[in-house]
Amino acid sequence: MKAIRFDALLKTTIWGGEEVTELKHLSQAPLQVGESWEISGLPGDETLVSDGEFKGQTLSQLIATHGASLVGKHNYEQYGTNFPLLVKFMSTAKDLSIQVHPDDAMAQRMGHPFGKSEMQYILHAQPESRFYAGFNADFSADGYSQSVQDGSLMAHLKCHATHAGDCFLIPAGHIHCIGSGNFLIEIQQSSNDTFRAYDFDRRDAQGQRRELHIAQAREALDFHAYPTHRVHYDHKPDTASLLVDIPEFVVRLYEIEHTLNVDYAATDSFIIYIAYEGDALLHYDEGDVHLSAGHTILFPASTTFVRIEPGTHGFKALETYC
């Protein structure tokens, strides 16, 4: 089975910036594109295959036809035709809301298959950019409710300066806020369940304050303070640098100047490459495919190897699977 490209879904948001359209060279794209959903199986927001014999099909349709050969035996047995991951580019000209996502158990009580654990890899950050993640000290449900009422919630959050190459892991239930001036890749469980705890009293295009979800956030929140949500990783050029390895997904970083062979013979999963700088010719079982910055591709679980031949200016990408 050949590698698959998808048409990205562009999401205009009140906090969106310009980096997505610049990276993708989309001269006709709308302003304030906050997110580009690169690969999504989320019902109602499924990305469609962009070319080839499966052009126009959704991930659920592909999985129904190809099953384990596409997503891997374990994923197919556990998730069926639900694709487990959602991959995005994100551009934040303004702060996002202070928010939290449900875990699997809470999401399933809501009738949804997945909670939402996620990670963010910073591609570029403005000098004063920040990422807020977790509480400064152990908190409480009552303390949270009071801080929402008196407007002091931000003071209870741990603040991180951001720089290119920073990585953050946000498990379900952990409070966070991606600050302005960040351009990043987000990899998450396939869920759009977000509970806004506070939104800086902003108004949408119709002049209305965006809905808050105080009670749901209170139920979802983990009030413990954790040492950090910043991922400390061992960066190695011309190899795979592990960023995240949790039950929900694995993410590795590639910064390649020379040809690299990657063995997937024992990997029981699809493989996704999200390219953000340079380009490469990717050779695999079924032939070869070119991938350049701003684009994403999915290799089926039947893939046993990928040989990465970087272009003149190198190749930088994230890889994810589960």
Protein backbone atom coordinates (compact mmCIF):
# COMPACT_ATOMS: atom_id res chain seq x y z
CA MET A 1 0.00 0.00 0.00
CA LYS A 2 1.38 3.39 -1.00
CA ALA A 3 2.00 6.36 1.29
CA ILE A 4 -0.97 8.71 1.57
CA ARG A 5 -1.25 12.50 1.43
CA PHE A 6 -4.25 14.44 2.71
CA ASP A 7 -5.75 17.85 2.02
CA ALA A 8 -5.23 19.90 5.18
CA LEU A 9 -8.16 21.63 6.89
CA LEU A 10 -7.43 25.29 7.65
CA LYS A 11 -9.07 26.64 10.80
CA THR A 12 -9.56 30.39 11.19
CA THR A 13 -9.46 31.47 14.85
CA ILE A 14 -9.56 34.75 16.78
CA TRP A 15 -6.02 34.07 18.00
CA GLY A 16 -4.56 32.83 14.68
CA GLY A 17 -1.43 34.16 13.03
CA GLU A 18 0.24 34.09 9.61
CA GLU A 19 2.91 31.38 9.89
CA VAL A 20 0.74 28.52 8.63
CA THR A 21 -0.05 30.26 5.35
CA GLU A 22 3.58 31.37 4.97
CA LEU A 23 5.00 27.88 5.53
CA LYS A 24 2.52 26.34 3.11
CA HIS A 25 2.81 29.20 0.55
CA LEU A 26 -0.96 29.65 0.53
CA SER A 27 -1.42 33.06 -1.05
CA GLN A 28 -5.23 32.73 -1.15
CA ALA A 29 -5.66 31.45 2.42
CA PRO A 30 -7.75 33.49 4.88
CA LEU A 31 -6.13 35.65 7.55
CA GLN A 32 -5.75 34.42 11.14
CA VAL A 33 -5.29 30.73 10.33
CA GLY A 34 -4.73 29.37 13.80
CA GLU A 35 -4.57 25.70 12.88
CA SER A 36 -3.91 23.49 9.88
CA TRP A 37 -5.30 20.04 10.57
CA GLU A 38 -2.87 17.92 8.59
CA ILE A 39 -4.29 14.47 9.29
CA SER A 40 -7.61 14.02 11.06
CA GLY A 41 -10.16 11.25 11.42
CA LEU A 42 -12.40 13.31 13.70
CA PRO A 43 -16.04 12.94 12.58
CA GLY A 44 -17.14 16.09 10.79
CA ASP A 45 -13.53 17.20 10.34
CA GLU A 46 -11.95 14.33 8.47
CA THR A 47 -9.13 15.15 6.09
CA LEU A 48 -9.56 13.72 2.60
CA VAL A 49 -6.93 11.87 0.57
CA SER A 50 -5.53 14.41 -1.87
CA ASP A 51 -4.42 12.20 -4.77
CA GLY A 52 -3.86 8.68 -6.04
CA GLU A 53 -6.24 5.74 -6.12
CA PHE A 54 -7.87 6.69 -2.81
CA LYS A 55 -8.43 10.36 -3.67
CA GLY A 56 -11.38 11.84 -1.77
CA GLN A 57 -11.62 9.07 0.82
CA THR A 58 -11.57 9.61 4.58
CA LEU A 59 -9.44 7.80 7.12
CA SER A 60 -12.43 5.84 8.41
CA GLN A 61 -13.17 4.66 4.88
CA LEU A 62 -9.53 3.67 4.36
CA ILE A 63 -9.41 1.78 7.65
CA ALA A 64 -12.68 -0.03 6.88
CA THR A 65 -11.12 -1.28 3.64
CA HIS A 66 -7.52 -1.92 4.65
CA GLY A 67 -7.72 -2.52 8.40
CA ALA A 68 -4.52 -3.60 10.13
CA SER A 69 -2.40 -3.23 7.00
CA LEU A 70 -3.02 0.51 7.24
CA VAL A 71 -3.05 1.26 10.97
CA GLY A 72 -1.44 -1.82 12.55
CA LYS A 73 -2.93 -4.85 14.25
CA HIS A 74 -2.97 -3.36 17.76
CA ASN A 75 -4.55 -0.07 16.65
CA TYR A 76 -7.17 -1.85 14.56
CA GLU A 77 -8.12 -4.17 17.42
CA GLN A 78 -8.27 -1.31 19.93
CA TYR A 79 -9.81 1.51 17.89
CA GLY A 80 -11.56 -0.10 14.90
CA THR A 81 -12.18 2.51 12.21
CA ASN A 82 -11.48 5.41 14.62
CA PHE A 83 -8.14 6.93 13.70
CA PRO A 84 -6.38 7.64 17.03
CA LEU A 85 -4.33 10.78 16.29
CA LEU A 86 -4.82 14.36 15.11
CA VAL A 87 -1.82 16.27 13.73
CA LYS A 88 -1.71 20.07 13.38
CA PHE A 89 0.41 23.10 12.62
CA MET A 90 -0.58 25.98 14.94
CA SER A 91 0.13 29.73 14.77
CA THR A 92 -0.75 31.89 17.78
CA ALA A 93 -0.78 35.66 17.23
CA LYS A 94 -2.65 35.96 20.55
CA ASP A 95 -2.93 33.86 23.69
CA LEU A 96 -5.23 30.89 23.51
CA SER A 97 -7.75 30.38 26.30
CA ILE A 98 -6.75 28.81 29.61
CA GLN A 99 -8.05 25.32 29.05
CA VAL A 100 -8.08 21.65 29.97
CA HIS A 101 -8.99 18.47 28.10
CA PRO A 102 -10.81 15.37 29.42
CA ASP A 103 -9.18 11.99 29.89
CA ASP A 104 -10.46 8.88 28.12
CA ALA A 105 -12.90 7.98 30.89
CA MET A 106 -14.55 11.41 30.97
CA ALA A 107 -14.64 11.63 27.16
CA GLN A 108 -16.33 8.25 26.94
CA ARG A 109 -18.96 9.36 29.45
CA MET A 110 -19.61 12.17 26.96
CA GLY A 111 -20.01 9.62 24.16
CA HIS A 112 -16.62 10.29 22.54
CA PRO A 113 -13.98 7.59 21.94
CA PHE A 114 -10.88 9.54 23.00
CA GLY A 115 -9.71 11.92 25.66
CA LYS A 116 -7.07 14.44 24.73
CA SER A 117 -3.47 14.14 25.74
CA GLU A 118 -1.21 16.21 23.51
CA MET A 119 2.30 17.48 22.86
CA GLN A 120 3.60 20.68 21.31
CA TYR A 121 6.91 21.16 19.50
CA ILE A 122 7.88 24.82 19.05
CA LEU A 123 9.11 25.67 15.55
CA HIS A 124 9.50 29.40 16.14
CA ALA A 125 8.79 31.78 19.01
CA GLN A 126 8.80 35.54 19.37
CA PRO A 127 11.19 36.94 22.04
CA GLU A 128 8.49 37.34 24.71
CA SER A 129 6.48 34.21 23.92
CA ARG A 130 5.27 32.01 26.75
CA PHE A 131 3.64 28.65 27.39
CA TYR A 132 1.59 28.21 30.55
CA ALA A 133 1.31 24.65 31.82
CA GLY A 134 0.33 23.22 35.18
CA PHE A 135 -0.19 24.80 38.59
CA ASN A 136 2.55 26.52 40.61
CA ALA A 137 1.49 24.55 43.68
CA ASP A 138 -1.09 21.93 44.51
CA PHE A 139 -4.48 23.51 44.00
CA SER A 140 -8.08 22.55 44.76
CA ALA A 141 -11.47 22.52 43.07
CA ASP A 142 -12.70 25.26 45.40
CA GLY A 143 -9.56 27.31 44.84
CA TYR A 144 -10.04 26.97 41.10
CA SER A 145 -13.66 28.14 41.27
CA GLN A 146 -12.69 31.14 43.40
CA SER A 147 -9.80 32.10 41.09
CA VAL A 148 -12.14 32.04 38.09
CA GLN A 149 -14.54 34.36 39.91
CA ASP A 150 -11.90 36.85 41.03
CA GLY A 151 -9.84 36.72 37.82
CA SER A 152 -6.66 35.40 39.45
CA LEU A 153 -6.38 32.04 37.67
CA MET A 154 -3.35 33.05 35.56
CA ALA A 155 -1.38 33.76 38.74
CA HIS A 156 -1.66 30.09 39.72
CA LEU A 157 -0.17 28.77 36.47
CA LYS A 158 3.45 27.87 35.82
CA CYS A 159 4.95 30.00 33.04
CA HIS A 160 7.64 28.87 30.57
CA ALA A 161 9.53 31.06 28.11
CA THR A 162 9.49 29.40 24.66
CA HIS A 163 12.19 28.98 22.04
CA ALA A 164 12.54 27.02 18.81
CA GLY A 165 13.09 23.35 19.67
CA ASP A 166 11.16 23.41 22.94
CA CYS A 167 8.79 20.52 23.50
CA PHE A 168 5.88 20.30 25.96
CA LEU A 169 3.78 17.32 26.98
CA ILE A 170 0.25 18.06 28.24
CA PRO A 171 -1.53 14.97 29.59
CA ALA A 172 -5.32 15.02 29.70
CA GLY A 173 -6.50 16.90 32.79
CA HIS A 174 -3.58 19.33 32.93
CA ILE A 175 -4.36 23.04 32.72
CA HIS A 176 -2.48 25.01 30.05
CA CYS A 177 -2.45 28.01 27.74
CA ILE A 178 -0.34 28.41 24.60
CA GLY A 179 0.80 32.01 24.62
CA SER A 180 1.02 34.45 21.74
CA GLY A 181 3.87 34.43 19.24
CA ASN A 182 4.33 30.67 19.02
CA PHE A 183 4.42 28.60 15.83
CA LEU A 184 4.29 24.90 16.56
CA ILE A 185 3.35 21.36 15.66
CA GLU A 186 0.74 19.74 17.88
CA ILE A 187 0.20 15.99 18.03
CA GLN A 188 -2.76 14.80 20.07
CA GLN A 189 -5.35 12.15 20.55
CA SER A 190 -8.20 12.40 18.07
CA SER A 191 -10.45 14.70 20.08
CA ASN A 192 -11.68 18.27 19.91
CA ASP A 193 -12.99 18.34 23.50
CA THR A 194 -11.66 21.53 25.07
CA PHE A 195 -12.97 23.10 28.26
CA ARG A 196 -12.23 26.82 28.52
CA ALA A 197 -11.58 27.86 32.09
CA TYR A 198 -10.89 31.49 31.22
CA ASP A 199 -10.69 33.46 27.95
CA PHE A 200 -9.54 36.97 28.95
CA ASP A 201 -13.10 38.28 28.35
CA ARG A 202 -12.51 38.22 24.59
CA ARG A 203 -15.32 38.49 22.07
CA ASP A 204 -15.81 36.58 18.84
CA ALA A 205 -16.53 38.00 15.38
CA GLN A 206 -20.17 38.53 16.40
CA GLY A 207 -19.19 40.49 19.48
CA GLN A 208 -20.10 37.70 21.87
CA ARG A 209 -17.89 36.40 24.65
CA ARG A 210 -16.81 32.86 23.88
CA GLU A 211 -18.44 30.18 25.98
CA LEU A 212 -16.64 29.06 29.13
CA HIS A 213 -16.94 25.55 30.55
CA ILE A 214 -16.30 26.14 34.25
CA ALA A 215 -18.04 23.05 35.61
CA GLN A 216 -16.63 20.68 32.97
CA ALA A 217 -13.13 22.06 33.49
CA ARG A 218 -13.46 21.59 37.24
CA GLU A 219 -14.42 17.95 36.69
CA ALA A 220 -11.59 17.35 34.21
CA LEU A 221 -8.78 19.12 36.08
CA ASP A 222 -5.89 17.40 37.82
CA PHE A 223 -5.11 19.82 40.65
CA HIS A 224 -1.67 18.42 41.51
CA ALA A 225 1.42 20.50 40.75
CA TYR A 226 3.98 18.67 38.61
CA PRO A 227 7.69 19.57 38.34
CA THR A 228 7.49 20.54 34.68
CA HIS A 229 5.66 19.97 31.42
CA ARG A 230 8.75 20.82 29.40
CA VAL A 231 10.26 17.74 27.74
CA HIS A 232 14.01 17.36 28.17
CA TYR A 233 15.35 15.31 25.30
CA ASP A 234 18.70 14.22 23.89
CA HIS A 235 19.05 15.84 20.50
CA LYS A 236 21.14 13.91 17.98
CA PRO A 237 21.51 15.09 14.37
CA ASP A 238 21.16 12.52 11.57
CA THR A 239 19.21 10.13 13.75
CA ALA A 240 15.84 9.80 15.48
CA SER A 241 15.69 11.85 18.70
CA LEU A 242 12.93 10.61 21.01
CA LEU A 243 10.67 13.40 22.26
CA VAL A 244 7.61 11.62 23.68
CA ASP A 245 6.80 7.97 24.41
CA ILE A 246 3.44 7.57 26.15
CA PRO A 247 0.67 4.98 25.70
CA GLU A 248 -1.24 7.34 23.40
CA PHE A 249 1.58 8.08 20.92
CA VAL A 250 5.31 8.22 20.22
CA VAL A 251 7.02 11.27 18.70
CA ARG A 252 10.55 11.49 17.34
CA LEU A 253 12.51 14.37 15.84
CA TYR A 254 14.56 14.17 12.65
CA GLU A 255 17.12 16.82 11.69
CA ILE A 256 18.85 15.21 8.73
CA GLU A 257 21.82 16.35 6.66
CA HIS A 258 22.85 12.90 5.38
CA THR A 259 20.96 9.83 4.18
CA LEU A 260 19.34 7.89 7.01
CA ASN A 261 17.74 4.43 6.93
CA VAL A 262 14.84 3.92 9.36
CA ASP A 263 13.69 0.37 10.12
CA TYR A 264 9.94 -0.08 10.73
CA ALA A 265 9.78 -3.87 10.34
CA ALA A 266 8.86 -4.33 14.02
CA THR A 267 6.62 -1.23 14.27
CA ASP A 268 2.98 -2.31 14.38
CA SER A 269 1.56 1.09 13.40
CA PHE A 270 1.09 3.65 10.66
CA ILE A 271 3.89 6.23 10.52
CA ILE A 272 3.30 9.96 10.01
CA TYR A 273 5.99 12.44 8.93
CA ILE A 274 5.32 16.18 9.48
CA ALA A 275 7.95 18.20 7.61
CA TYR A 276 8.71 21.73 8.77
CA GLU A 277 12.03 22.67 7.14
CA GLY A 278 13.84 21.64 3.98
CA ASP A 279 12.81 18.64 1.95
CA ALA A 280 13.67 14.99 1.33
CA LEU A 281 13.14 12.09 -1.01
CA LEU A 282 11.66 9.25 1.02
CA HIS A 283 12.26 5.75 -0.33
CA TYR A 284 10.09 2.93 1.07
CA ASP A 285 8.68 -0.48 0.17
CA GLU A 286 6.37 0.82 -2.57
CA GLY A 287 8.75 3.29 -4.23
CA ASP A 288 9.62 6.86 -3.29
CA VAL A 289 7.85 10.10 -2.46
CA HIS A 290 9.01 13.70 -2.08
CA LEU A 291 8.15 15.60 1.10
CA SER A 292 8.82 19.29 1.70
CA ALA A 293 8.31 21.74 4.57
CA GLY A 294 4.67 22.43 5.41
CA HIS A 295 3.45 19.03 4.27
CA THR A 296 2.57 15.76 5.98
CA ILE A 297 2.41 12.15 4.82
CA LEU A 298 1.18 8.85 6.26
CA PHE A 299 2.96 5.56 5.64
CA PRO A 300 0.80 2.46 6.17
CA ALA A 301 1.67 -0.12 8.82
CA SER A 302 2.80 -2.47 6.05
CA THR A 303 5.83 -0.21 5.53
CA THR A 304 9.03 -1.92 6.69
CA PHE A 305 11.58 0.84 6.05
CA VAL A 306 12.03 4.46 4.99
CA ARG A 307 15.31 5.78 3.61
CA ILE A 308 15.51 9.54 4.04
CA GLU A 309 17.60 11.38 1.45
CA PRO A 310 17.64 15.05 2.46
CA GLY A 311 17.69 17.86 -0.05
CA THR A 312 20.40 20.48 -0.43
CA HIS A 313 19.27 22.41 2.65
CA GLY A 314 18.63 19.39 4.85
CA PHE A 315 15.36 18.00 6.19
CA LYS A 316 13.58 18.55 9.50
CA ALA A 317 10.46 16.70 10.50
CA LEU A 318 8.56 15.08 13.33
CA GLU A 319 7.54 11.45 13.16
CA THR A 320 4.63 10.02 15.11
CA TYR A 321 2.88 6.67 15.53
CA CYS A 322 1.07 4.70 18.19
